[in-house]
Structure formats: C-alpha cells, structure tokens
Amino acid sequence: MEAFNMAEALKTELLDKEMTEVFDWSDDKTPLRDAMWNHVMDDNGHNTMATIAEAKKWESMSDADLKKTAEDMLK
C-alpha cells in the first residue's frame, strides 16, 4: 500500500510546481494545479462539480500530456 501512495504522489508532482518552473513563457508563481483550476472555473461559470470532474483527469495524465493540456489551456 505504501508503494501505491508514493506512485500517487509522483503523479501529482508536476501539478504542484509553479508555472515558472513548468513553462519558460510564464512568470506566474501560481502552482500549475491552481492555475488550471482557476481557468476551468472561469470557463464553466464557476461550477465546482464540473471543475472537480475535469481536475480528476489531470492526476491520471502523464507529465507530457498534462504539460500539453495545461499549455493549451493557459497560454
């Protein structure tokens, strides 16, 4: 069970990095997870349940897919 928790923690590591650490085009120090959350909330009229559903997808993405999704969303 401990290995599972470690794997889950590693999946979210990119989400917890600041935007400036993930993208060379950003000077925003907001964590990637928060920036993506805020963007989705703004786009869907602040529907928290819809945003939660979207955010759950991010945790199962590879780093490459997550980075591309975030860049498409935020750039």
N, C-alpha and C. Protein backbone atom coordinates (compact mmCIF):
# COMPACT_ATOMS: atom_id res chain seq x y z
N MET A 1 0.82 -1.19 0.00
CA MET A 1 0.00 0.00 0.00
C MET A 1 0.86 1.26 0.00
N GLU A 2 1.99 1.22 0.67
CA GLU A 2 2.87 2.38 0.73
C GLU A 2 3.41 2.74 -0.66
N ALA A 3 3.73 1.74 -1.48
CA ALA A 3 4.22 2.00 -2.83
C ALA A 3 3.14 2.69 -3.66
N PHE A 4 1.89 2.32 -3.45
CA PHE A 4 0.79 2.96 -4.17
C PHE A 4 0.71 4.44 -3.83
N ASN A 5 0.84 4.77 -2.57
CA ASN A 5 0.80 6.17 -2.15
C ASN A 5 1.95 6.96 -2.75
N MET A 6 3.11 6.37 -2.82
CA MET A 6 4.28 7.03 -3.40
C MET A 6 4.03 7.27 -4.90
N ALA A 7 3.46 6.30 -5.58
CA ALA A 7 3.17 6.45 -7.01
C ALA A 7 2.16 7.57 -7.22
N GLU A 8 1.15 7.63 -6.38
CA GLU A 8 0.16 8.70 -6.50
C GLU A 8 0.79 10.06 -6.26
N ALA A 9 1.70 10.15 -5.31
CA ALA A 9 2.37 11.41 -5.02
C ALA A 9 3.21 11.86 -6.21
N LEU A 10 3.88 10.92 -6.86
CA LEU A 10 4.70 11.27 -8.01
C LEU A 10 3.85 11.74 -9.19
N LYS A 11 2.66 11.21 -9.35
CA LYS A 11 1.78 11.62 -10.44
C LYS A 11 1.39 13.08 -10.34
N THR A 12 1.31 13.59 -9.13
CA THR A 12 0.85 14.96 -8.95
C THR A 12 1.99 15.95 -8.80
N GLU A 13 3.23 15.50 -8.85
CA GLU A 13 4.37 16.39 -8.64
C GLU A 13 4.36 17.56 -9.61
N LEU A 14 4.11 17.32 -10.88
CA LEU A 14 4.09 18.40 -11.87
C LEU A 14 2.98 19.40 -11.56
N LEU A 15 1.83 18.91 -11.11
CA LEU A 15 0.72 19.79 -10.78
C LEU A 15 1.07 20.75 -9.65
N ASP A 16 1.97 20.36 -8.78
CA ASP A 16 2.33 21.17 -7.62
C ASP A 16 3.47 22.16 -7.89
N LYS A 17 4.07 22.08 -9.07
CA LYS A 17 5.14 23.02 -9.41
C LYS A 17 4.55 24.37 -9.82
N GLU A 18 5.33 25.42 -9.58
CA GLU A 18 4.91 26.75 -10.00
C GLU A 18 4.94 26.85 -11.52
N MET A 19 4.07 27.68 -12.05
CA MET A 19 4.02 27.88 -13.50
C MET A 19 5.39 28.22 -14.07
N THR A 20 6.17 29.04 -13.34
CA THR A 20 7.50 29.43 -13.82
C THR A 20 8.45 28.25 -13.94
N GLU A 21 8.22 27.21 -13.14
CA GLU A 21 9.05 26.01 -13.20
C GLU A 21 8.67 25.11 -14.36
N VAL A 22 7.43 25.19 -14.79
CA VAL A 22 6.92 24.29 -15.83
C VAL A 22 7.09 24.89 -17.22
N PHE A 23 6.85 26.20 -17.34
CA PHE A 23 6.86 26.85 -18.65
C PHE A 23 7.83 28.01 -18.68
N ASP A 24 8.66 28.06 -19.72
CA ASP A 24 9.60 29.17 -19.85
C ASP A 24 8.90 30.46 -20.26
N TRP A 25 7.66 30.39 -20.74
CA TRP A 25 6.93 31.58 -21.16
C TRP A 25 6.14 32.23 -20.01
N SER A 26 6.16 31.61 -18.85
CA SER A 26 5.36 32.13 -17.74
C SER A 26 6.24 32.73 -16.65
N ASP A 27 5.77 33.83 -16.07
CA ASP A 27 6.44 34.40 -14.90
C ASP A 27 5.52 34.33 -13.67
N ASP A 28 4.50 33.48 -13.78
CA ASP A 28 3.50 33.30 -12.73
C ASP A 28 4.00 32.25 -11.72
N LYS A 29 3.96 32.58 -10.46
CA LYS A 29 4.41 31.66 -9.41
C LYS A 29 3.27 30.80 -8.85
N THR A 30 2.09 30.90 -9.46
CA THR A 30 0.95 30.08 -9.05
C THR A 30 1.25 28.61 -9.37
N PRO A 31 0.92 27.69 -8.46
CA PRO A 31 1.07 26.27 -8.79
C PRO A 31 0.24 25.92 -10.02
N LEU A 32 0.75 25.04 -10.84
CA LEU A 32 0.07 24.65 -12.08
C LEU A 32 -1.36 24.19 -11.79
N ARG A 33 -1.54 23.37 -10.77
CA ARG A 33 -2.88 22.87 -10.40
C ARG A 33 -3.86 24.04 -10.18
N ASP A 34 -3.42 25.06 -9.45
CA ASP A 34 -4.29 26.20 -9.15
C ASP A 34 -4.60 27.02 -10.40
N ALA A 35 -3.60 27.20 -11.25
CA ALA A 35 -3.81 27.97 -12.48
C ALA A 35 -4.82 27.25 -13.38
N MET A 36 -4.68 25.93 -13.49
CA MET A 36 -5.61 25.16 -14.31
C MET A 36 -7.00 25.18 -13.70
N TRP A 37 -7.07 25.00 -12.38
CA TRP A 37 -8.36 25.03 -11.67
C TRP A 37 -9.07 26.36 -11.92
N ASN A 38 -8.35 27.46 -11.73
CA ASN A 38 -8.94 28.78 -11.90
C ASN A 38 -9.45 28.99 -13.33
N HIS A 39 -8.67 28.52 -14.29
CA HIS A 39 -9.07 28.66 -15.69
C HIS A 39 -10.36 27.90 -15.97
N VAL A 40 -10.44 26.65 -15.51
CA VAL A 40 -11.62 25.84 -15.74
C VAL A 40 -12.83 26.45 -15.02
N MET A 41 -12.63 26.90 -13.79
CA MET A 41 -13.73 27.54 -13.05
C MET A 41 -14.26 28.76 -13.81
N ASP A 42 -13.37 29.58 -14.34
CA ASP A 42 -13.78 30.76 -15.09
C ASP A 42 -14.54 30.37 -16.36
N ASP A 43 -14.08 29.30 -17.02
CA ASP A 43 -14.70 28.88 -18.28
C ASP A 43 -16.07 28.24 -18.10
N ASN A 44 -16.31 27.62 -16.93
CA ASN A 44 -17.58 26.90 -16.78
C ASN A 44 -18.56 27.62 -15.85
N GLY A 45 -18.36 28.90 -15.65
CA GLY A 45 -19.28 29.66 -14.83
C GLY A 45 -19.20 29.32 -13.35
N HIS A 46 -18.02 28.93 -12.92
CA HIS A 46 -17.74 28.62 -11.50
C HIS A 46 -18.55 27.42 -10.99
N ASN A 47 -18.67 26.41 -11.85
CA ASN A 47 -19.34 25.16 -11.48
C ASN A 47 -18.30 24.24 -10.84
N THR A 48 -18.31 24.19 -9.52
CA THR A 48 -17.30 23.44 -8.79
C THR A 48 -17.33 21.96 -9.13
N MET A 49 -18.49 21.35 -9.24
CA MET A 49 -18.58 19.92 -9.53
C MET A 49 -18.00 19.59 -10.90
N ALA A 50 -18.25 20.43 -11.88
CA ALA A 50 -17.69 20.21 -13.22
C ALA A 50 -16.17 20.39 -13.20
N THR A 51 -15.70 21.33 -12.40
CA THR A 51 -14.26 21.55 -12.30
C THR A 51 -13.58 20.38 -11.62
N ILE A 52 -14.19 19.85 -10.58
CA ILE A 52 -13.64 18.66 -9.91
C ILE A 52 -13.53 17.50 -10.89
N ALA A 53 -14.56 17.28 -11.68
CA ALA A 53 -14.54 16.21 -12.67
C ALA A 53 -13.39 16.39 -13.66
N GLU A 54 -13.18 17.62 -14.09
CA GLU A 54 -12.08 17.91 -15.02
C GLU A 54 -10.73 17.71 -14.34
N ALA A 55 -10.60 18.19 -13.11
CA ALA A 55 -9.33 18.12 -12.38
C ALA A 55 -8.92 16.67 -12.10
N LYS A 56 -9.87 15.79 -11.90
CA LYS A 56 -9.55 14.37 -11.64
C LYS A 56 -8.81 13.76 -12.83
N LYS A 57 -9.11 14.23 -14.02
CA LYS A 57 -8.44 13.72 -15.23
C LYS A 57 -6.95 14.06 -15.21
N TRP A 58 -6.60 15.21 -14.66
CA TRP A 58 -5.21 15.66 -14.68
C TRP A 58 -4.31 14.73 -13.90
N GLU A 59 -4.80 14.16 -12.82
CA GLU A 59 -3.98 13.32 -11.96
C GLU A 59 -3.63 11.98 -12.60
N SER A 60 -4.37 11.57 -13.63
CA SER A 60 -4.06 10.31 -14.28
C SER A 60 -3.27 10.51 -15.58
N MET A 61 -3.00 11.75 -15.95
CA MET A 61 -2.25 12.03 -17.18
C MET A 61 -0.75 11.86 -16.96
N SER A 62 -0.06 11.51 -18.04
CA SER A 62 1.40 11.52 -17.99
C SER A 62 1.85 12.97 -17.89
N ASP A 63 3.09 13.18 -17.46
CA ASP A 63 3.61 14.55 -17.38
C ASP A 63 3.55 15.26 -18.72
N ALA A 64 3.87 14.53 -19.79
CA ALA A 64 3.87 15.14 -21.12
C ALA A 64 2.46 15.57 -21.53
N ASP A 65 1.48 14.70 -21.28
CA ASP A 65 0.09 15.03 -21.62
C ASP A 65 -0.43 16.17 -20.75
N LEU A 66 -0.07 16.13 -19.47
CA LEU A 66 -0.51 17.19 -18.56
C LEU A 66 0.08 18.54 -18.97
N LYS A 67 1.35 18.54 -19.31
CA LYS A 67 2.00 19.79 -19.70
C LYS A 67 1.36 20.34 -20.98
N LYS A 68 1.07 19.47 -21.95
CA LYS A 68 0.44 19.92 -23.19
C LYS A 68 -0.97 20.45 -22.91
N THR A 69 -1.72 19.74 -22.09
CA THR A 69 -3.07 20.18 -21.73
C THR A 69 -3.04 21.54 -21.06
N ALA A 70 -2.13 21.69 -20.11
CA ALA A 70 -2.01 22.95 -19.38
C ALA A 70 -1.58 24.08 -20.32
N GLU A 71 -0.63 23.81 -21.19
CA GLU A 71 -0.16 24.84 -22.10
C GLU A 71 -1.27 25.28 -23.05
N ASP A 72 -2.01 24.31 -23.59
CA ASP A 72 -3.12 24.65 -24.47
C ASP A 72 -4.18 25.48 -23.74
N MET A 73 -4.36 25.17 -22.47
CA MET A 73 -5.37 25.85 -21.66
C MET A 73 -4.93 27.25 -21.23
N LEU A 74 -3.67 27.41 -20.90
CA LEU A 74 -3.20 28.62 -20.20
C LEU A 74 -2.40 29.60 -21.05
N LYS A 75 -1.87 29.16 -22.15
CA LYS A 75 -1.00 30.05 -22.93
C LYS A 75 -1.79 31.01 -23.78
